[in-house]
Amino acid sequence: MSPKIKVFLYQFITFAVIFVPLRYLIAWLAKSEGFWVPFIAFAVTVLIAPKFQLVQTKEGSKIWMKWIFSKSIKEL
């Protein structure tokens, strides 16, 4: 599997794992439905989801992750 596809899948899976429960939690707490519940869940998820990036180095391609809850940038 190419590193670009891995980065895309990591980004998608972590976004989905955070978005889906958050959407239902917001709907349950706000006791409402409609456009605003998934919109708010999307905005919060974009802010708190980890960011993955493919970086070309002298040793080759490496995947790096940055997350708001971690001070350091981690190599995967």
PDB file of N, CA and C in Angstrom:
ATOM      1  N   MET A   1       0.846  -1.167   0.000  1.00  0.00           N
ATOM      2  CA  MET A   1       0.000   0.000   0.000  1.00  0.00           C
ATOM      3  C   MET A   1       0.900   1.241   0.000  1.00  0.00           C
ATOM      4  N   SER A   2       0.554   2.203  -0.817  1.00  0.00           N
ATOM      5  CA  SER A   2       1.400   3.395  -0.918  1.00  0.00           C
ATOM      6  C   SER A   2       1.256   4.259   0.339  1.00  0.00           C
ATOM      7  N   PRO A   3       2.294   4.998   0.677  1.00  0.00           N
ATOM      8  CA  PRO A   3       2.239   5.850   1.870  1.00  0.00           C
ATOM      9  C   PRO A   3       1.149   6.919   1.789  1.00  0.00           C
ATOM     10  N   LYS A   4       0.854   7.426   0.590  1.00  0.00           N
ATOM     11  CA  LYS A   4      -0.208   8.433   0.444  1.00  0.00           C
ATOM     12  C   LYS A   4      -1.563   7.849   0.827  1.00  0.00           C
ATOM     13  N   ILE A   5      -1.799   6.618   0.444  1.00  0.00           N
ATOM     14  CA  ILE A   5      -3.066   5.969   0.782  1.00  0.00           C
ATOM     15  C   ILE A   5      -3.134   5.706   2.278  1.00  0.00           C
ATOM     16  N   LYS A   6      -2.019   5.314   2.890  1.00  0.00           N
ATOM     17  CA  LYS A   6      -1.983   5.098   4.338  1.00  0.00           C
ATOM     18  C   LYS A   6      -2.329   6.381   5.088  1.00  0.00           C
ATOM     19  N   VAL A   7      -1.746   7.497   4.663  1.00  0.00           N
ATOM     20  CA  VAL A   7      -2.033   8.785   5.310  1.00  0.00           C
ATOM     21  C   VAL A   7      -3.505   9.127   5.172  1.00  0.00           C
ATOM     22  N   PHE A   8      -4.062   8.931   3.982  1.00  0.00           N
ATOM     23  CA  PHE A   8      -5.476   9.210   3.764  1.00  0.00           C
ATOM     24  C   PHE A   8      -6.352   8.338   4.654  1.00  0.00           C
ATOM     25  N   LEU A   9      -6.034   7.052   4.745  1.00  0.00           N
ATOM     26  CA  LEU A   9      -6.830   6.149   5.574  1.00  0.00           C
ATOM     27  C   LEU A   9      -6.709   6.482   7.063  1.00  0.00           C
ATOM     28  N   TYR A  10      -5.496   6.791   7.526  1.00  0.00           N
ATOM     29  CA  TYR A  10      -5.323   7.195   8.921  1.00  0.00           C
ATOM     30  C   TYR A  10      -6.160   8.430   9.226  1.00  0.00           C
ATOM     31  N   GLN A  11      -6.104   9.412   8.338  1.00  0.00           N
ATOM     32  CA  GLN A  11      -6.848  10.651   8.537  1.00  0.00           C
ATOM     33  C   GLN A  11      -8.351  10.376   8.550  1.00  0.00           C
ATOM     34  N   PHE A  12      -8.825   9.587   7.606  1.00  0.00           N
ATOM     35  CA  PHE A  12     -10.252   9.285   7.505  1.00  0.00           C
ATOM     36  C   PHE A  12     -10.752   8.490   8.704  1.00  0.00           C
ATOM     37  N   ILE A  13     -10.006   7.458   9.091  1.00  0.00           N
ATOM     38  CA  ILE A  13     -10.451   6.601  10.193  1.00  0.00           C
ATOM     39  C   ILE A  13     -10.474   7.358  11.514  1.00  0.00           C
ATOM     40  N   THR A  14      -9.436   8.138  11.791  1.00  0.00           N
ATOM     41  CA  THR A  14      -9.436   8.894  13.054  1.00  0.00           C
ATOM     42  C   THR A  14     -10.533   9.949  13.062  1.00  0.00           C
ATOM     43  N   PHE A  15     -10.783  10.571  11.914  1.00  0.00           N
ATOM     44  CA  PHE A  15     -11.872  11.543  11.838  1.00  0.00           C
ATOM     45  C   PHE A  15     -13.210  10.867  12.118  1.00  0.00           C
ATOM     46  N   ALA A  16     -13.456   9.713  11.488  1.00  0.00           N
ATOM     47  CA  ALA A  16     -14.720   9.011  11.659  1.00  0.00           C
ATOM     48  C   ALA A  16     -14.908   8.512  13.090  1.00  0.00           C
ATOM     49  N   VAL A  17     -13.838   8.021  13.704  1.00  0.00           N
ATOM     50  CA  VAL A  17     -13.920   7.502  15.073  1.00  0.00           C
ATOM     51  C   VAL A  17     -14.275   8.618  16.052  1.00  0.00           C
ATOM     52  N   ILE A  18     -13.840   9.830  15.781  1.00  0.00           N
ATOM     53  CA  ILE A  18     -14.172  10.951  16.658  1.00  0.00           C
ATOM     54  C   ILE A  18     -15.525  11.554  16.283  1.00  0.00           C
ATOM     55  N   PHE A  19     -15.811  11.684  14.987  1.00  0.00           N
ATOM     56  CA  PHE A  19     -17.018  12.369  14.531  1.00  0.00           C
ATOM     57  C   PHE A  19     -18.310  11.646  14.902  1.00  0.00           C
ATOM     58  N   VAL A  20     -18.378  10.359  14.655  1.00  0.00           N
ATOM     59  CA  VAL A  20     -19.637   9.628  14.852  1.00  0.00           C
ATOM     60  C   VAL A  20     -20.109   9.665  16.306  1.00  0.00           C
ATOM     61  N   PRO A  21     -19.281   9.294  17.279  1.00  0.00           N
ATOM     62  CA  PRO A  21     -19.768   9.387  18.664  1.00  0.00           C
ATOM     63  C   PRO A  21     -20.055  10.829  19.098  1.00  0.00           C
ATOM     64  N   LEU A  22     -19.241  11.766  18.626  1.00  0.00           N
ATOM     65  CA  LEU A  22     -19.447  13.165  18.989  1.00  0.00           C
ATOM     66  C   LEU A  22     -20.769  13.687  18.439  1.00  0.00           C
ATOM     67  N   ARG A  23     -21.134  13.280  17.239  1.00  0.00           N
ATOM     68  CA  ARG A  23     -22.396  13.698  16.642  1.00  0.00           C
ATOM     69  C   ARG A  23     -23.573  13.233  17.487  1.00  0.00           C
ATOM     70  N   TYR A  24     -23.550  11.963  17.900  1.00  0.00           N
ATOM     71  CA  TYR A  24     -24.649  11.447  18.711  1.00  0.00           C
ATOM     72  C   TYR A  24     -24.640  12.034  20.123  1.00  0.00           C
ATOM     73  N   LEU A  25     -23.464  12.312  20.645  1.00  0.00           N
ATOM     74  CA  LEU A  25     -23.372  12.947  21.956  1.00  0.00           C
ATOM     75  C   LEU A  25     -23.957  14.354  21.927  1.00  0.00           C
ATOM     76  N   ILE A  26     -23.635  15.122  20.902  1.00  0.00           N
ATOM     77  CA  ILE A  26     -24.179  16.475  20.777  1.00  0.00           C
ATOM     78  C   ILE A  26     -25.686  16.424  20.576  1.00  0.00           C
ATOM     79  N   ALA A  27     -26.171  15.502  19.764  1.00  0.00           N
ATOM     80  CA  ALA A  27     -27.617  15.372  19.554  1.00  0.00           C
ATOM     81  C   ALA A  27     -28.318  14.997  20.848  1.00  0.00           C
ATOM     82  N   TRP A  28     -27.697  14.132  21.638  1.00  0.00           N
ATOM     83  CA  TRP A  28     -28.301  13.710  22.897  1.00  0.00           C
ATOM     84  C   TRP A  28     -28.281  14.841  23.929  1.00  0.00           C
ATOM     85  N   LEU A  29     -27.174  15.547  24.026  1.00  0.00           N
ATOM     86  CA  LEU A  29     -27.066  16.633  24.996  1.00  0.00           C
ATOM     87  C   LEU A  29     -27.937  17.833  24.623  1.00  0.00           C
ATOM     88  N   ALA A  30     -27.988  18.173  23.349  1.00  0.00           N
ATOM     89  CA  ALA A  30     -28.760  19.332  22.905  1.00  0.00           C
ATOM     90  C   ALA A  30     -30.232  18.989  22.695  1.00  0.00           C
ATOM     91  N   LYS A  31     -30.537  17.714  22.652  1.00  0.00           N
ATOM     92  CA  LYS A  31     -31.895  17.228  22.404  1.00  0.00           C
ATOM     93  C   LYS A  31     -32.509  17.896  21.172  1.00  0.00           C
ATOM     94  N   SER A  32     -31.716  17.944  20.129  1.00  0.00           N
ATOM     95  CA  SER A  32     -32.197  18.525  18.883  1.00  0.00           C
ATOM     96  C   SER A  32     -31.684  17.705  17.709  1.00  0.00           C
ATOM     97  N   GLU A  33     -32.246  18.000  16.556  1.00  0.00           N
ATOM     98  CA  GLU A  33     -31.833  17.356  15.320  1.00  0.00           C
ATOM     99  C   GLU A  33     -31.716  18.422  14.247  1.00  0.00           C
ATOM    100  N   GLY A  34     -31.306  18.016  13.095  1.00  0.00           N
ATOM    101  CA  GLY A  34     -31.220  18.959  12.002  1.00  0.00           C
ATOM    102  C   GLY A  34     -29.797  19.201  11.562  1.00  0.00           C
ATOM    103  N   PHE A  35     -29.630  20.297  10.842  1.00  0.00           N
ATOM    104  CA  PHE A  35     -28.354  20.624  10.213  1.00  0.00           C
ATOM    105  C   PHE A  35     -27.273  20.959  11.221  1.00  0.00           C
ATOM    106  N   TRP A  36     -27.604  21.582  12.332  1.00  0.00           N
ATOM    107  CA  TRP A  36     -26.594  22.101  13.253  1.00  0.00           C
ATOM    108  C   TRP A  36     -25.858  21.027  14.021  1.00  0.00           C
ATOM    109  N   VAL A  37     -26.471  19.920  14.306  1.00  0.00           N
ATOM    110  CA  VAL A  37     -25.802  18.869  15.078  1.00  0.00           C
ATOM    111  C   VAL A  37     -24.594  18.307  14.330  1.00  0.00           C
ATOM    112  N   PRO A  38     -24.731  17.834  13.094  1.00  0.00           N
ATOM    113  CA  PRO A  38     -23.536  17.347  12.395  1.00  0.00           C
ATOM    114  C   PRO A  38     -22.552  18.461  12.054  1.00  0.00           C
ATOM    115  N   PHE A  39     -23.035  19.664  11.840  1.00  0.00           N
ATOM    116  CA  PHE A  39     -22.140  20.781  11.552  1.00  0.00           C
ATOM    117  C   PHE A  39     -21.242  21.092  12.742  1.00  0.00           C
ATOM    118  N   ILE A  40     -21.809  21.142  13.934  1.00  0.00           N
ATOM    119  CA  ILE A  40     -21.025  21.395  15.141  1.00  0.00           C
ATOM    120  C   ILE A  40     -20.066  20.238  15.398  1.00  0.00           C
ATOM    121  N   ALA A  41     -20.537  19.003  15.207  1.00  0.00           N
ATOM    122  CA  ALA A  41     -19.664  17.838  15.386  1.00  0.00           C
ATOM    123  C   ALA A  41     -18.510  17.862  14.388  1.00  0.00           C
ATOM    124  N   PHE A  42     -18.779  18.279  13.163  1.00  0.00           N
ATOM    125  CA  PHE A  42     -17.730  18.386  12.150  1.00  0.00           C
ATOM    126  C   PHE A  42     -16.690  19.421  12.554  1.00  0.00           C
ATOM    127  N   ALA A  43     -17.142  20.589  12.983  1.00  0.00           N
ATOM    128  CA  ALA A  43     -16.220  21.665  13.344  1.00  0.00           C
ATOM    129  C   ALA A  43     -15.340  21.264  14.527  1.00  0.00           C
ATOM    130  N   VAL A  44     -15.928  20.636  15.536  1.00  0.00           N
ATOM    131  CA  VAL A  44     -15.154  20.212  16.708  1.00  0.00           C
ATOM    132  C   VAL A  44     -14.179  19.110  16.320  1.00  0.00           C
ATOM    133  N   THR A  45     -14.610  18.182  15.485  1.00  0.00           N
ATOM    134  CA  THR A  45     -13.743  17.084  15.062  1.00  0.00           C
ATOM    135  C   THR A  45     -12.560  17.590  14.248  1.00  0.00           C
ATOM    136  N   VAL A  46     -12.782  18.559  13.386  1.00  0.00           N
ATOM    137  CA  VAL A  46     -11.675  19.128  12.606  1.00  0.00           C
ATOM    138  C   VAL A  46     -10.632  19.723  13.540  1.00  0.00           C
ATOM    139  N   LEU A  47     -11.075  20.326  14.638  1.00  0.00           N
ATOM    140  CA  LEU A  47     -10.143  20.945  15.574  1.00  0.00           C
ATOM    141  C   LEU A  47      -9.372  19.922  16.412  1.00  0.00           C
ATOM    142  N   ILE A  48     -10.032  18.838  16.834  1.00  0.00           N
ATOM    143  CA  ILE A  48      -9.382  17.930  17.779  1.00  0.00           C
ATOM    144  C   ILE A  48      -8.820  16.654  17.159  1.00  0.00           C
ATOM    145  N   ALA A  49      -9.130  16.367  15.911  1.00  0.00           N
ATOM    146  CA  ALA A  49      -8.619  15.141  15.281  1.00  0.00           C
ATOM    147  C   ALA A  49      -7.125  15.277  14.982  1.00  0.00           C
ATOM    148  N   PRO A  50      -6.372  14.182  15.098  1.00  0.00           N
ATOM    149  CA  PRO A  50      -4.946  14.246  14.757  1.00  0.00           C
ATOM    150  C   PRO A  50      -4.753  14.484  13.263  1.00  0.00           C
ATOM    151  N   LYS A  51      -3.667  15.171  12.936  1.00  0.00           N
ATOM    152  CA  LYS A  51      -3.338  15.466  11.541  1.00  0.00           C
ATOM    153  C   LYS A  51      -2.168  14.583  11.118  1.00  0.00           C
ATOM    154  N   PHE A  52      -2.313  13.930   9.983  1.00  0.00           N
ATOM    155  CA  PHE A  52      -1.270  13.057   9.447  1.00  0.00           C
ATOM    156  C   PHE A  52      -0.701  13.694   8.193  1.00  0.00           C
ATOM    157  N   GLN A  53       0.623  13.536   8.007  1.00  0.00           N
ATOM    158  CA  GLN A  53       1.273  14.123   6.849  1.00  0.00           C
ATOM    159  C   GLN A  53       2.407  13.223   6.386  1.00  0.00           C
ATOM    160  N   LEU A  54       2.562  13.129   5.086  1.00  0.00           N
ATOM    161  CA  LEU A  54       3.649  12.373   4.479  1.00  0.00           C
ATOM    162  C   LEU A  54       4.787  13.343   4.186  1.00  0.00           C
ATOM    163  N   VAL A  55       5.968  13.033   4.709  1.00  0.00           N
ATOM    164  CA  VAL A  55       7.131  13.910   4.565  1.00  0.00           C
ATOM    165  C   VAL A  55       8.230  13.141   3.849  1.00  0.00           C
ATOM    166  N   GLN A  56       8.814  13.782   2.831  1.00  0.00           N
ATOM    167  CA  GLN A  56       9.936  13.192   2.114  1.00  0.00           C
ATOM    168  C   GLN A  56      11.224  13.602   2.819  1.00  0.00           C
ATOM    169  N   THR A  57      12.008  12.629   3.263  1.00  0.00           N
ATOM    170  CA  THR A  57      13.294  12.893   3.899  1.00  0.00           C
ATOM    171  C   THR A  57      14.391  12.221   3.087  1.00  0.00           C
ATOM    172  N   LYS A  58      15.613  12.384   3.535  1.00  0.00           N
ATOM    173  CA  LYS A  58      16.731  11.738   2.847  1.00  0.00           C
ATOM    174  C   LYS A  58      16.641  10.218   2.943  1.00  0.00           C
ATOM    175  N   GLU A  59      16.067   9.728   4.030  1.00  0.00           N
ATOM    176  CA  GLU A  59      15.918   8.279   4.226  1.00  0.00           C
ATOM    177  C   GLU A  59      14.726   7.707   3.475  1.00  0.00           C
ATOM    178  N   GLY A  60      13.823   8.547   2.989  1.00  0.00           N
ATOM    179  CA  GLY A  60      12.627   8.094   2.281  1.00  0.00           C
ATOM    180  C   GLY A  60      11.382   8.770   2.831  1.00  0.00           C
ATOM    181  N   SER A  61      10.233   8.229   2.479  1.00  0.00           N
ATOM    182  CA  SER A  61       8.959   8.791   2.923  1.00  0.00           C
ATOM    183  C   SER A  61       8.671   8.379   4.358  1.00  0.00           C
ATOM    184  N   LYS A  62       8.204   9.340   5.153  1.00  0.00           N
ATOM    185  CA  LYS A  62       7.832   9.056   6.534  1.00  0.00           C
ATOM    186  C   LYS A  62       6.492   9.703   6.828  1.00  0.00           C
ATOM    187  N   ILE A  63       5.722   9.041   7.677  1.00  0.00           N
ATOM    188  CA  ILE A  63       4.422   9.557   8.074  1.00  0.00           C
ATOM    189  C   ILE A  63       4.565  10.185   9.451  1.00  0.00           C
ATOM    190  N   TRP A  64       4.116  11.433   9.569  1.00  0.00           N
ATOM    191  CA  TRP A  64       4.180  12.159  10.827  1.00  0.00           C
ATOM    192  C   TRP A  64       2.772  12.489  11.293  1.00  0.00           C
ATOM    193  N   MET A  65       2.590  12.528  12.614  1.00  0.00           N
ATOM    194  CA  MET A  65       1.295  12.836  13.192  1.00  0.00           C
ATOM    195  C   MET A  65       1.446  13.973  14.190  1.00  0.00           C
ATOM    196  N   LYS A  66       0.545  14.941  14.091  1.00  0.00           N
ATOM    197  CA  LYS A  66       0.496  16.030  15.054  1.00  0.00           C
ATOM    198  C   LYS A  66      -0.913  16.055  15.635  1.00  0.00           C
ATOM    199  N   TRP A  67      -0.979  16.203  16.958  1.00  0.00           N
ATOM    200  CA  TRP A  67      -2.264  16.186  17.616  1.00  0.00           C
ATOM    201  C   TRP A  67      -2.308  17.302  18.642  1.00  0.00           C
ATOM    202  N   ILE A  68      -3.462  17.895  18.821  1.00  0.00           N
ATOM    203  CA  ILE A  68      -3.622  19.021  19.734  1.00  0.00           C
ATOM    204  C   ILE A  68      -3.334  18.609  21.185  1.00  0.00           C
ATOM    205  N   PHE A  69      -3.525  17.343  21.524  1.00  0.00           N
ATOM    206  CA  PHE A  69      -3.323  16.864  22.889  1.00  0.00           C
ATOM    207  C   PHE A  69      -1.903  16.371  23.145  1.00  0.00           C
ATOM    208  N   SER A  70      -1.052  16.457  22.136  1.00  0.00           N
ATOM    209  CA  SER A  70       0.345  16.034  22.270  1.00  0.00           C
ATOM    210  C   SER A  70       1.248  17.190  21.855  1.00  0.00           C
ATOM    211  N   LYS A  71       2.238  17.470  22.644  1.00  0.00           N
ATOM    212  CA  LYS A  71       3.131  18.589  22.345  1.00  0.00           C
ATOM    213  C   LYS A  71       4.120  18.271  21.229  1.00  0.00           C
ATOM    214  N   SER A  72       4.474  17.004  21.102  1.00  0.00           N
ATOM    215  CA  SER A  72       5.480  16.633  20.114  1.00  0.00           C
ATOM    216  C   SER A  72       4.835  16.114  18.827  1.00  0.00           C
ATOM    217  N   ILE A  73       5.616  16.128  17.757  1.00  0.00           N
ATOM    218  CA  ILE A  73       5.204  15.542  16.494  1.00  0.00           C
ATOM    219  C   ILE A  73       5.769  14.131  16.471  1.00  0.00           C
ATOM    220  N   LYS A  74       4.907  13.147  16.206  1.00  0.00           N
ATOM    221  CA  LYS A  74       5.326  11.750  16.272  1.00  0.00           C
ATOM    222  C   LYS A  74       5.472  11.143  14.898  1.00  0.00           C
ATOM    223  N   GLU A  75       6.480  10.301  14.762  1.00  0.00           N
ATOM    224  CA  GLU A  75       6.684   9.562  13.524  1.00  0.00           C
ATOM    225  C   GLU A  75       6.011   8.209  13.656  1.00  0.00           C
ATOM    226  N   LEU A  76       5.272   7.813  12.618  1.00  0.00           N
ATOM    227  CA  LEU A  76       4.615   6.503  12.633  1.00  0.00           C
ATOM    228  C   LEU A  76       5.425   5.507  11.839  1.00  0.00           C
TER     229      LEU A  76
END
